[in-house]
Amino acid sequence: MAIRESIVVDVAEVQATDDYRVELRQEKKRTNYSTTQARDLALELIEAAERVDAAIAEDMAERGLRLSEGVIRTEGGEVVL
């Protein structure tokens, strides 16, 4: 009789950061991936990049609203800081 155990080890992790960047953390600097692992990692990178793009677009839209609604302008249309 044999007892078997499966252990899951994260060899790479993808994260969208607060400063609008995509961060990839790997267990080693250089890692060989199977084709399935490489595709999964690529998809995670793409999804993180899309989240960052959406966050940037949301932030820019919010800044645009603040600029268009809550600023003092001169008669010539210039923003007074």
Protein backbone atom coordinates (compact mmCIF):
# COMPACT_ATOMS: atom_id res chain seq x y z
CA MET A 1 0.00 0.00 0.00
CA ALA A 2 1.21 3.50 -0.83
CA ILE A 3 0.16 6.90 0.40
CA ARG A 4 0.35 9.65 -2.19
CA GLU A 5 0.08 13.35 -1.76
CA SER A 6 -0.16 16.15 -4.30
CA ILE A 7 1.46 19.44 -3.45
CA VAL A 8 0.69 22.58 -5.45
CA VAL A 9 3.61 24.95 -5.88
CA ASP A 10 3.19 28.38 -7.45
CA VAL A 11 6.08 28.86 -9.85
CA ALA A 12 4.78 32.20 -11.14
CA GLU A 13 2.29 34.80 -9.96
CA VAL A 14 0.78 37.71 -11.89
CA GLN A 15 -0.61 40.78 -10.18
CA ALA A 16 -1.91 44.22 -11.20
CA THR A 17 -0.31 46.81 -8.93
CA ASP A 18 -1.66 50.10 -7.54
CA ASP A 19 0.72 52.09 -9.77
CA TYR A 20 -0.87 50.71 -12.96
CA ARG A 21 1.76 48.08 -13.70
CA VAL A 22 1.62 44.32 -14.22
CA GLU A 23 3.93 42.44 -11.90
CA LEU A 24 5.21 38.92 -12.62
CA ARG A 25 6.83 37.05 -9.75
CA GLN A 26 8.61 33.80 -10.52
CA GLU A 27 10.11 31.21 -8.24
CA LYS A 28 13.29 31.35 -10.31
CA LYS A 29 14.57 33.96 -12.74
CA ARG A 30 14.56 31.42 -15.52
CA THR A 31 11.92 28.72 -15.62
CA ASN A 32 10.91 26.18 -18.24
CA TYR A 33 7.17 25.89 -18.73
CA SER A 34 5.08 23.29 -20.46
CA THR A 35 3.00 24.62 -23.35
CA THR A 36 -0.12 24.54 -21.15
CA GLN A 37 1.64 26.40 -18.33
CA ALA A 38 2.98 28.98 -20.79
CA ARG A 39 -0.50 29.59 -22.23
CA ASP A 40 -2.02 29.86 -18.74
CA LEU A 41 0.66 32.34 -17.70
CA ALA A 42 0.18 34.36 -20.89
CA LEU A 43 -3.58 34.50 -20.27
CA GLU A 44 -3.01 35.67 -16.69
CA LEU A 45 -0.67 38.40 -17.95
CA ILE A 46 -3.25 39.52 -20.53
CA GLU A 47 -6.04 39.58 -17.93
CA ALA A 48 -3.90 41.62 -15.54
CA ALA A 49 -3.02 44.05 -18.34
CA GLU A 50 -6.72 44.45 -19.17
CA ARG A 51 -7.50 45.18 -15.49
CA VAL A 52 -4.76 47.83 -15.46
CA ASP A 53 -6.04 49.37 -18.71
CA ALA A 54 -9.58 49.52 -17.25
CA ALA A 55 -8.29 51.12 -14.04
CA ILE A 56 -6.35 53.73 -16.03
CA ALA A 57 -9.41 54.53 -18.18
CA GLU A 58 -11.58 54.86 -15.07
CA ASP A 59 -9.04 57.11 -13.38
CA MET A 60 -8.66 59.31 -16.45
CA ALA A 61 -12.44 59.62 -16.83
CA GLU A 62 -12.73 60.64 -13.17
CA ARG A 63 -9.95 63.20 -13.56
CA GLY A 64 -11.63 64.56 -16.69
CA LEU A 65 -14.90 65.01 -14.79
CA ARG A 66 -13.15 66.83 -11.96
CA LEU A 67 -11.37 69.08 -14.41
CA SER A 68 -14.48 69.89 -16.42
CA GLU A 69 -16.81 70.46 -13.46
CA GLY A 70 -14.83 71.64 -10.50
CA VAL A 71 -12.35 74.22 -11.75
CA ILE A 72 -12.24 77.95 -11.93
CA ARG A 73 -11.64 79.28 -15.43
CA THR A 74 -10.80 82.74 -16.70
CA GLU A 75 -13.00 84.48 -19.27
CA GLY A 76 -10.63 83.15 -21.92
CA GLY A 77 -11.27 79.56 -20.73
CA GLU A 78 -7.92 79.04 -18.98
CA VAL A 79 -7.88 77.04 -15.77
CA VAL A 80 -6.85 78.98 -12.70
CA LEU A 81 -4.63 76.92 -10.43
